[in-house]
Amino acid sequence: MAAAAAWTGAASPNSLLLSRSPPHAAALAPSPGSSMRRRLLLGVGTPAVAALAAAAPPAVLQDGAVTVLITAGAYSLVRVFDELTERRLIEKSLSRKVVHVLSGVLFMSSWPLFRELLRGPLYYVLVLLFSVLVFWRESPIGIVSLSMMSGGDGFADIVGRRYGSAKLPFNRKKSWAGSISMFISGFLLSAMMMLYFSSLGYIDVIWEEALGKLALVALAATVVECVPVTEVVDDNISVPLATMLVAFLLFSSNRTIVN
């Protein structure tokens, strides 16, 4: 009976390690208090899973490492087929198509390696690409929209988190400090970037009229950022789109402001 009881106790999920120990090792078993602390730390019934979860790297570190590896793999893939083409071991057209196929396979195969999809940064990058493709450096619309998104929305979050105790009455997730900082920083960065591009000769600005229009664009972007619609549309999309629309209406209506 004693042997059966000992076997029953050793066969429980939390004592599998003790079942592999010799009889005299029972005296060295941890006390009930230490066992309870271990269960609280690792999770009752699933110590191995909890231990692996605790040892897993943070999502940002893992995703960053995977991104570096995938980038290195893509670069190596292109370099290998470039070398094969230079040595005339494969035709250039065939090499391009093979890289086309393998790069897509490599990209899709990497998806399970990522911990999460950061939609905010993804939308932000897509907006950057859209502005580059549609407006480029000769248009103030792209310059202003990206300035409002990077400077305005960026500083709104920073200032709002630190000094945003006074919340907006219609959106408790936003603060007066964050909204004011978005207006000011977005306006200033837009003016600075327009000055930068005008000094390089890409745009010609009449500042007496342009500054007032920049203030209106900054106000529109701030209002859109304050509206509680983030559950429907991410502000990384709504803010730049609204900024582009208002900037298009303002700067395109008078060709003497930006030539």
C-alpha atoms as a PDB file:
ATOM      1  CA  MET A   1       0.000   0.000   0.000  1.00  0.00           C
ATOM      2  CA  ALA A   2       2.808   2.398   0.867  1.00  0.00           C
ATOM      3  CA  ALA A   3       4.503   1.647  -2.468  1.00  0.00           C
ATOM      4  CA  ALA A   4       1.248   2.232  -4.335  1.00  0.00           C
ATOM      5  CA  ALA A   5       0.728   5.530  -2.553  1.00  0.00           C
ATOM      6  CA  ALA A   6       4.284   6.566  -3.340  1.00  0.00           C
ATOM      7  CA  TRP A   7       3.789   5.653  -7.006  1.00  0.00           C
ATOM      8  CA  THR A   8       0.505   7.592  -7.139  1.00  0.00           C
ATOM      9  CA  GLY A   9       2.151  10.668  -5.703  1.00  0.00           C
ATOM     10  CA  ALA A  10       5.097  10.378  -8.068  1.00  0.00           C
ATOM     11  CA  ALA A  11       2.863   9.983 -11.112  1.00  0.00           C
ATOM     12  CA  SER A  12       1.086  13.299 -10.633  1.00  0.00           C
ATOM     13  CA  PRO A  13       1.856  15.973 -13.271  1.00  0.00           C
ATOM     14  CA  ASN A  14       3.718  18.170 -10.824  1.00  0.00           C
ATOM     15  CA  SER A  15       6.003  15.377  -9.563  1.00  0.00           C
ATOM     16  CA  LEU A  16       7.224  13.678 -12.756  1.00  0.00           C
ATOM     17  CA  LEU A  17      10.770  14.738 -11.998  1.00  0.00           C
ATOM     18  CA  LEU A  18      10.603  13.060  -8.580  1.00  0.00           C
ATOM     19  CA  SER A  19       9.469   9.774 -10.131  1.00  0.00           C
ATOM     20  CA  ARG A  20      12.801   9.527 -11.922  1.00  0.00           C
ATOM     21  CA  SER A  21      14.789  10.073  -8.721  1.00  0.00           C
ATOM     22  CA  PRO A  22      16.015   7.309  -6.434  1.00  0.00           C
ATOM     23  CA  PRO A  23      14.091   6.683  -3.182  1.00  0.00           C
ATOM     24  CA  HIS A  24      16.585   8.538  -1.042  1.00  0.00           C
ATOM     25  CA  ALA A  25      16.079  11.695  -3.129  1.00  0.00           C
ATOM     26  CA  ALA A  26      12.647  12.181  -1.549  1.00  0.00           C
ATOM     27  CA  ALA A  27      14.378  13.636   1.473  1.00  0.00           C
ATOM     28  CA  LEU A  28      15.852  16.312  -0.793  1.00  0.00           C
ATOM     29  CA  ALA A  29      12.464  17.216  -2.318  1.00  0.00           C
ATOM     30  CA  PRO A  30      11.461  20.891  -2.025  1.00  0.00           C
ATOM     31  CA  SER A  31       9.256  21.956   0.825  1.00  0.00           C
ATOM     32  CA  PRO A  32       5.541  22.605   0.270  1.00  0.00           C
ATOM     33  CA  GLY A  33       6.172  26.340   0.542  1.00  0.00           C
ATOM     34  CA  SER A  34       8.813  26.356  -2.181  1.00  0.00           C
ATOM     35  CA  SER A  35       6.614  24.145  -4.368  1.00  0.00           C
ATOM     36  CA  MET A  36       3.751  26.591  -4.002  1.00  0.00           C
ATOM     37  CA  ARG A  37       5.999  29.506  -4.957  1.00  0.00           C
ATOM     38  CA  ARG A  38       7.209  27.571  -7.980  1.00  0.00           C
ATOM     39  CA  ARG A  39       3.624  26.883  -9.061  1.00  0.00           C
ATOM     40  CA  LEU A  40       2.696  30.542  -8.730  1.00  0.00           C
ATOM     41  CA  LEU A  41       5.665  31.560 -10.868  1.00  0.00           C
ATOM     42  CA  LEU A  42       5.374  28.922 -13.575  1.00  0.00           C
ATOM     43  CA  GLY A  43       1.629  28.322 -13.608  1.00  0.00           C
ATOM     44  CA  VAL A  44      -0.238  25.436 -12.003  1.00  0.00           C
ATOM     45  CA  GLY A  45      -0.321  22.333 -14.172  1.00  0.00           C
ATOM     46  CA  THR A  46       1.689  23.858 -17.048  1.00  0.00           C
ATOM     47  CA  PRO A  47       5.172  24.603 -15.733  1.00  0.00           C
ATOM     48  CA  ALA A  48       6.941  23.820 -18.998  1.00  0.00           C
ATOM     49  CA  VAL A  49       4.680  26.031 -21.114  1.00  0.00           C
ATOM     50  CA  ALA A  50       4.841  28.883 -18.632  1.00  0.00           C
ATOM     51  CA  ALA A  51       8.619  28.614 -18.406  1.00  0.00           C
ATOM     52  CA  LEU A  52       8.957  28.761 -22.189  1.00  0.00           C
ATOM     53  CA  ALA A  53       6.644  31.766 -22.356  1.00  0.00           C
ATOM     54  CA  ALA A  54       8.657  33.556 -19.695  1.00  0.00           C
ATOM     55  CA  ALA A  55      11.907  32.814 -21.508  1.00  0.00           C
ATOM     56  CA  ALA A  56      10.575  33.971 -24.898  1.00  0.00           C
ATOM     57  CA  PRO A  57      12.038  37.259 -26.136  1.00  0.00           C
ATOM     58  CA  PRO A  58       9.818  40.358 -26.322  1.00  0.00           C
ATOM     59  CA  ALA A  59       7.796  40.758 -29.493  1.00  0.00           C
ATOM     60  CA  VAL A  60       9.764  43.812 -30.600  1.00  0.00           C
ATOM     61  CA  LEU A  61      13.116  42.040 -30.254  1.00  0.00           C
ATOM     62  CA  GLN A  62      11.913  38.895 -31.990  1.00  0.00           C
ATOM     63  CA  ASP A  63      10.278  40.782 -34.852  1.00  0.00           C
ATOM     64  CA  GLY A  64      13.364  42.957 -35.243  1.00  0.00           C
ATOM     65  CA  ALA A  65      15.655  39.933 -35.386  1.00  0.00           C
ATOM     66  CA  VAL A  66      13.400  38.199 -37.909  1.00  0.00           C
ATOM     67  CA  THR A  67      13.329  41.346 -40.045  1.00  0.00           C
ATOM     68  CA  VAL A  68      17.124  41.482 -40.097  1.00  0.00           C
ATOM     69  CA  LEU A  69      17.351  37.800 -41.028  1.00  0.00           C
ATOM     70  CA  ILE A  70      14.761  38.093 -43.796  1.00  0.00           C
ATOM     71  CA  THR A  71      16.470  41.194 -45.190  1.00  0.00           C
ATOM     72  CA  ALA A  72      19.814  39.415 -45.185  1.00  0.00           C
ATOM     73  CA  GLY A  73      18.236  36.396 -46.859  1.00  0.00           C
ATOM     74  CA  ALA A  74      16.622  38.529 -49.565  1.00  0.00           C
ATOM     75  CA  TYR A  75      19.894  40.338 -50.234  1.00  0.00           C
ATOM     76  CA  SER A  76      21.780  37.046 -50.409  1.00  0.00           C
ATOM     77  CA  LEU A  77      19.184  35.651 -52.808  1.00  0.00           C
ATOM     78  CA  VAL A  78      19.607  38.570 -55.195  1.00  0.00           C
ATOM     79  CA  ARG A  79      23.400  38.462 -54.951  1.00  0.00           C
ATOM     80  CA  VAL A  80      23.529  34.733 -55.698  1.00  0.00           C
ATOM     81  CA  PHE A  81      21.502  35.056 -58.881  1.00  0.00           C
ATOM     82  CA  ASP A  82      23.403  38.177 -59.925  1.00  0.00           C
ATOM     83  CA  GLU A  83      26.600  36.179 -59.635  1.00  0.00           C
ATOM     84  CA  LEU A  84      25.103  33.322 -61.641  1.00  0.00           C
ATOM     85  CA  THR A  85      24.049  35.774 -64.332  1.00  0.00           C
ATOM     86  CA  GLU A  86      27.473  37.423 -64.487  1.00  0.00           C
ATOM     87  CA  ARG A  87      29.096  34.019 -64.926  1.00  0.00           C
ATOM     88  CA  ARG A  88      26.614  33.217 -67.698  1.00  0.00           C
ATOM     89  CA  LEU A  89      25.356  30.171 -65.835  1.00  0.00           C
ATOM     90  CA  ILE A  90      21.772  31.386 -66.141  1.00  0.00           C
ATOM     91  CA  GLU A  91      20.020  33.814 -68.462  1.00  0.00           C
ATOM     92  CA  LYS A  92      19.244  37.270 -67.129  1.00  0.00           C
ATOM     93  CA  SER A  93      15.509  37.055 -67.845  1.00  0.00           C
ATOM     94  CA  LEU A  94      15.278  33.641 -66.192  1.00  0.00           C
ATOM     95  CA  SER A  95      17.281  34.865 -63.206  1.00  0.00           C
ATOM     96  CA  ARG A  96      14.912  37.781 -62.715  1.00  0.00           C
ATOM     97  CA  LYS A  97      11.855  35.531 -62.761  1.00  0.00           C
ATOM     98  CA  VAL A  98      13.399  32.992 -60.394  1.00  0.00           C
ATOM     99  CA  VAL A  99      14.220  35.770 -57.935  1.00  0.00           C
ATOM    100  CA  HIS A 100      10.659  37.028 -58.377  1.00  0.00           C
ATOM    101  CA  VAL A 101       9.265  33.634 -57.355  1.00  0.00           C
ATOM    102  CA  LEU A 102      11.695  32.855 -54.542  1.00  0.00           C
ATOM    103  CA  SER A 103      11.438  36.288 -52.945  1.00  0.00           C
ATOM    104  CA  GLY A 104       7.677  35.886 -52.620  1.00  0.00           C
ATOM    105  CA  VAL A 105       8.088  32.426 -51.125  1.00  0.00           C
ATOM    106  CA  LEU A 106      10.723  33.724 -48.702  1.00  0.00           C
ATOM    107  CA  PHE A 107       8.490  36.597 -47.651  1.00  0.00           C
ATOM    108  CA  MET A 108       5.429  34.418 -47.024  1.00  0.00           C
ATOM    109  CA  SER A 109       7.474  31.759 -45.245  1.00  0.00           C
ATOM    110  CA  SER A 110       8.646  34.346 -42.725  1.00  0.00           C
ATOM    111  CA  TRP A 111       5.155  35.240 -41.497  1.00  0.00           C
ATOM    112  CA  PRO A 112       4.978  32.524 -38.782  1.00  0.00           C
ATOM    113  CA  LEU A 113       8.267  33.789 -37.341  1.00  0.00           C
ATOM    114  CA  PHE A 114       6.795  37.148 -36.379  1.00  0.00           C
ATOM    115  CA  ARG A 115       5.062  37.561 -33.031  1.00  0.00           C
ATOM    116  CA  GLU A 116       2.570  40.241 -34.057  1.00  0.00           C
ATOM    117  CA  LEU A 117       1.571  42.669 -36.780  1.00  0.00           C
ATOM    118  CA  LEU A 118       2.081  46.281 -35.725  1.00  0.00           C
ATOM    119  CA  ARG A 119      -0.647  47.869 -37.818  1.00  0.00           C
ATOM    120  CA  GLY A 120       0.148  51.447 -36.803  1.00  0.00           C
ATOM    121  CA  PRO A 121       3.728  51.429 -38.124  1.00  0.00           C
ATOM    122  CA  LEU A 122       2.557  49.472 -41.176  1.00  0.00           C
ATOM    123  CA  TYR A 123      -0.058  52.098 -42.034  1.00  0.00           C
ATOM    124  CA  TYR A 124       2.512  54.828 -41.419  1.00  0.00           C
ATOM    125  CA  VAL A 125       4.939  53.283 -43.906  1.00  0.00           C
ATOM    126  CA  LEU A 126       2.158  52.823 -46.473  1.00  0.00           C
ATOM    127  CA  VAL A 127       1.239  56.504 -46.156  1.00  0.00           C
ATOM    128  CA  LEU A 128       4.884  57.451 -46.645  1.00  0.00           C
ATOM    129  CA  LEU A 129       5.063  55.375 -49.814  1.00  0.00           C
ATOM    130  CA  PHE A 130       1.782  56.822 -51.089  1.00  0.00           C
ATOM    131  CA  SER A 131       3.005  60.390 -50.569  1.00  0.00           C
ATOM    132  CA  VAL A 132       6.267  59.658 -52.337  1.00  0.00           C
ATOM    133  CA  LEU A 133       4.582  58.025 -55.329  1.00  0.00           C
ATOM    134  CA  VAL A 134       1.793  60.587 -55.741  1.00  0.00           C
ATOM    135  CA  PHE A 135       3.280  63.922 -54.658  1.00  0.00           C
ATOM    136  CA  TRP A 136       7.086  63.635 -54.388  1.00  0.00           C
ATOM    137  CA  ARG A 137       9.200  66.671 -53.534  1.00  0.00           C
ATOM    138  CA  GLU A 138       7.733  69.190 -55.990  1.00  0.00           C
ATOM    139  CA  SER A 139       4.343  69.210 -54.252  1.00  0.00           C
ATOM    140  CA  PRO A 140       3.686  70.921 -50.921  1.00  0.00           C
ATOM    141  CA  ILE A 141       0.783  68.544 -50.305  1.00  0.00           C
ATOM    142  CA  GLY A 142       3.014  65.566 -49.611  1.00  0.00           C
ATOM    143  CA  ILE A 143       5.447  67.688 -47.615  1.00  0.00           C
ATOM    144  CA  VAL A 144       2.724  69.085 -45.370  1.00  0.00           C
ATOM    145  CA  SER A 145       0.870  65.802 -44.903  1.00  0.00           C
ATOM    146  CA  LEU A 146       3.998  63.926 -43.849  1.00  0.00           C
ATOM    147  CA  SER A 147       5.041  66.781 -41.566  1.00  0.00           C
ATOM    148  CA  MET A 148       1.681  66.693 -39.819  1.00  0.00           C
ATOM    149  CA  MET A 149       1.852  62.931 -39.480  1.00  0.00           C
ATOM    150  CA  SER A 150       5.438  62.670 -38.254  1.00  0.00           C
ATOM    151  CA  GLY A 151       5.823  65.840 -36.226  1.00  0.00           C
ATOM    152  CA  GLY A 152       2.247  66.592 -35.235  1.00  0.00           C
ATOM    153  CA  ASP A 153       0.930  63.152 -34.374  1.00  0.00           C
ATOM    154  CA  GLY A 154       4.286  62.065 -32.963  1.00  0.00           C
ATOM    155  CA  PHE A 155       4.592  64.941 -30.489  1.00  0.00           C
ATOM    156  CA  ALA A 156       0.904  64.704 -29.629  1.00  0.00           C
ATOM    157  CA  ASP A 157       1.463  61.207 -28.278  1.00  0.00           C
ATOM    158  CA  ILE A 158       4.664  62.126 -26.424  1.00  0.00           C
ATOM    159  CA  VAL A 159       3.287  65.257 -24.771  1.00  0.00           C
ATOM    160  CA  GLY A 160      -0.126  63.719 -24.177  1.00  0.00           C
ATOM    161  CA  ARG A 161       1.302  60.788 -22.264  1.00  0.00           C
ATOM    162  CA  ARG A 162       3.389  63.001 -19.984  1.00  0.00           C
ATOM    163  CA  TYR A 163       1.155  66.006 -19.454  1.00  0.00           C
ATOM    164  CA  GLY A 164      -2.250  64.841 -20.651  1.00  0.00           C
ATOM    165  CA  SER A 165      -4.149  64.823 -17.375  1.00  0.00           C
ATOM    166  CA  ALA A 166      -6.832  67.157 -18.745  1.00  0.00           C
ATOM    167  CA  LYS A 167      -8.827  65.067 -21.220  1.00  0.00           C
ATOM    168  CA  LEU A 168     -11.004  66.276 -24.060  1.00  0.00           C
ATOM    169  CA  PRO A 169     -14.716  66.239 -23.141  1.00  0.00           C
ATOM    170  CA  PHE A 170     -15.713  64.319 -26.285  1.00  0.00           C
ATOM    171  CA  ASN A 171     -12.772  61.897 -26.338  1.00  0.00           C
ATOM    172  CA  ARG A 172     -11.341  60.737 -23.029  1.00  0.00           C
ATOM    173  CA  LYS A 173      -8.440  59.044 -24.814  1.00  0.00           C
ATOM    174  CA  LYS A 174      -7.103  62.403 -26.009  1.00  0.00           C
ATOM    175  CA  SER A 175      -5.866  65.363 -23.986  1.00  0.00           C
ATOM    176  CA  TRP A 176      -5.718  69.122 -24.425  1.00  0.00           C
ATOM    177  CA  ALA A 177      -1.945  69.074 -24.073  1.00  0.00           C
ATOM    178  CA  GLY A 178      -1.533  66.449 -26.786  1.00  0.00           C
ATOM    179  CA  SER A 179      -3.893  68.201 -29.196  1.00  0.00           C
ATOM    180  CA  ILE A 180      -2.270  71.599 -28.703  1.00  0.00           C
ATOM    181  CA  SER A 181       1.184  70.107 -29.165  1.00  0.00           C
ATOM    182  CA  MET A 182       0.021  68.424 -32.372  1.00  0.00           C
ATOM    183  CA  PHE A 183      -1.178  71.720 -33.807  1.00  0.00           C
ATOM    184  CA  ILE A 184       1.985  73.608 -32.872  1.00  0.00           C
ATOM    185  CA  SER A 185       4.544  70.936 -33.781  1.00  0.00           C
ATOM    186  CA  GLY A 186       2.743  70.003 -37.006  1.00  0.00           C
ATOM    187  CA  PHE A 187       2.562  73.630 -38.086  1.00  0.00           C
ATOM    188  CA  LEU A 188       6.201  74.334 -37.235  1.00  0.00           C
ATOM    189  CA  LEU A 189       7.552  71.203 -38.905  1.00  0.00           C
ATOM    190  CA  SER A 190       5.463  71.865 -42.025  1.00  0.00           C
ATOM    191  CA  ALA A 191       6.831  75.401 -42.262  1.00  0.00           C
ATOM    192  CA  MET A 192      10.393  74.193 -41.695  1.00  0.00           C
ATOM    193  CA  MET A 193      10.149  71.475 -44.333  1.00  0.00           C
ATOM    194  CA  MET A 194       8.602  73.854 -46.862  1.00  0.00           C
ATOM    195  CA  LEU A 195      11.422  76.298 -46.163  1.00  0.00           C
ATOM    196  CA  TYR A 196      13.914  73.480 -46.679  1.00  0.00           C
ATOM    197  CA  PHE A 197      12.460  72.389 -50.016  1.00  0.00           C
ATOM    198  CA  SER A 198      12.004  75.966 -51.222  1.00  0.00           C
ATOM    199  CA  SER A 199      15.653  76.721 -50.427  1.00  0.00           C
ATOM    200  CA  LEU A 200      16.603  73.805 -52.683  1.00  0.00           C
ATOM    201  CA  GLY A 201      14.455  75.185 -55.489  1.00  0.00           C
ATOM    202  CA  TYR A 202      11.774  72.499 -55.587  1.00  0.00           C
ATOM    203  CA  ILE A 203       8.903  74.825 -54.623  1.00  0.00           C
ATOM    204  CA  ASP A 204       8.401  78.599 -54.602  1.00  0.00           C
ATOM    205  CA  VAL A 205       6.552  79.837 -51.533  1.00  0.00           C
ATOM    206  CA  ILE A 206       4.871  83.168 -50.812  1.00  0.00           C
ATOM    207  CA  TRP A 207       5.052  83.004 -47.039  1.00  0.00           C
ATOM    208  CA  GLU A 208       2.556  85.801 -46.322  1.00  0.00           C
ATOM    209  CA  GLU A 209      -0.211  83.572 -47.650  1.00  0.00           C
ATOM    210  CA  ALA A 210       1.276  80.126 -47.082  1.00  0.00           C
ATOM    211  CA  LEU A 211       1.590  80.435 -43.292  1.00  0.00           C
ATOM    212  CA  GLY A 212      -2.121  81.049 -42.844  1.00  0.00           C
ATOM    213  CA  LYS A 213      -2.966  78.046 -44.981  1.00  0.00           C
ATOM    214  CA  LEU A 214      -0.502  75.897 -43.046  1.00  0.00           C
ATOM    215  CA  ALA A 215      -2.296  76.894 -39.847  1.00  0.00           C
ATOM    216  CA  LEU A 216      -5.621  75.795 -41.351  1.00  0.00           C
ATOM    217  CA  VAL A 217      -4.125  72.461 -42.415  1.00  0.00           C
ATOM    218  CA  ALA A 218      -2.671  71.947 -38.934  1.00  0.00           C
ATOM    219  CA  LEU A 219      -6.050  72.759 -37.389  1.00  0.00           C
ATOM    220  CA  ALA A 220      -7.830  70.279 -39.657  1.00  0.00           C
ATOM    221  CA  ALA A 221      -5.295  67.551 -38.865  1.00  0.00           C
ATOM    222  CA  THR A 222      -5.659  68.224 -35.134  1.00  0.00           C
ATOM    223  CA  VAL A 223      -9.461  68.029 -35.297  1.00  0.00           C
ATOM    224  CA  VAL A 224      -9.340  64.726 -37.187  1.00  0.00           C
ATOM    225  CA  GLU A 225      -6.826  63.327 -34.693  1.00  0.00           C
ATOM    226  CA  CYS A 226      -9.148  64.254 -31.813  1.00  0.00           C
ATOM    227  CA  VAL A 227     -12.247  62.594 -33.259  1.00  0.00           C
ATOM    228  CA  PRO A 228     -12.921  59.243 -31.493  1.00  0.00           C
ATOM    229  CA  VAL A 229     -12.919  57.042 -34.587  1.00  0.00           C
ATOM    230  CA  THR A 230      -9.705  55.095 -34.006  1.00  0.00           C
ATOM    231  CA  GLU A 231     -11.711  51.887 -33.627  1.00  0.00           C
ATOM    232  CA  VAL A 232     -12.928  52.372 -37.211  1.00  0.00           C
ATOM    233  CA  VAL A 233     -10.029  54.144 -38.934  1.00  0.00           C
ATOM    234  CA  ASP A 234      -6.470  54.260 -37.604  1.00  0.00           C
ATOM    235  CA  ASP A 235      -5.184  57.804 -37.139  1.00  0.00           C
ATOM    236  CA  ASN A 236      -2.106  56.854 -39.150  1.00  0.00           C
ATOM    237  CA  ILE A 237      -4.534  56.775 -42.082  1.00  0.00           C
ATOM    238  CA  SER A 238      -7.182  59.368 -41.194  1.00  0.00           C
ATOM    239  CA  VAL A 239      -4.775  62.179 -40.266  1.00  0.00           C
ATOM    240  CA  PRO A 240      -2.611  62.135 -43.428  1.00  0.00           C
ATOM    241  CA  LEU A 241      -5.623  61.620 -45.712  1.00  0.00           C
ATOM    242  CA  ALA A 242      -7.461  64.569 -44.163  1.00  0.00           C
ATOM    243  CA  THR A 243      -4.287  66.637 -44.346  1.00  0.00           C
ATOM    244  CA  MET A 244      -3.815  65.781 -48.009  1.00  0.00           C
ATOM    245  CA  LEU A 245      -7.400  66.740 -48.806  1.00  0.00           C
ATOM    246  CA  VAL A 246      -7.288  70.101 -47.011  1.00  0.00           C
ATOM    247  CA  ALA A 247      -3.816  70.910 -48.363  1.00  0.00           C
ATOM    248  CA  PHE A 248      -4.972  70.056 -51.873  1.00  0.00           C
ATOM    249  CA  LEU A 249      -7.969  72.374 -51.578  1.00  0.00           C
ATOM    250  CA  LEU A 250      -5.960  75.233 -50.092  1.00  0.00           C
ATOM    251  CA  PHE A 251      -2.738  75.124 -52.065  1.00  0.00           C
ATOM    252  CA  SER A 252      -4.292  74.187 -55.386  1.00  0.00           C
ATOM    253  CA  SER A 253      -6.843  76.989 -55.275  1.00  0.00           C
ATOM    254  CA  ASN A 254      -4.209  79.725 -55.558  1.00  0.00           C
ATOM    255  CA  ARG A 255      -1.227  79.025 -57.745  1.00  0.00           C
ATOM    256  CA  THR A 256       0.657  82.107 -56.471  1.00  0.00           C
ATOM    257  CA  ILE A 257       1.201  80.605 -53.019  1.00  0.00           C
ATOM    258  CA  VAL A 258       3.295  77.717 -54.240  1.00  0.00           C
ATOM    259  CA  ASN A 259       4.586  77.954 -57.796  1.00  0.00           C
END
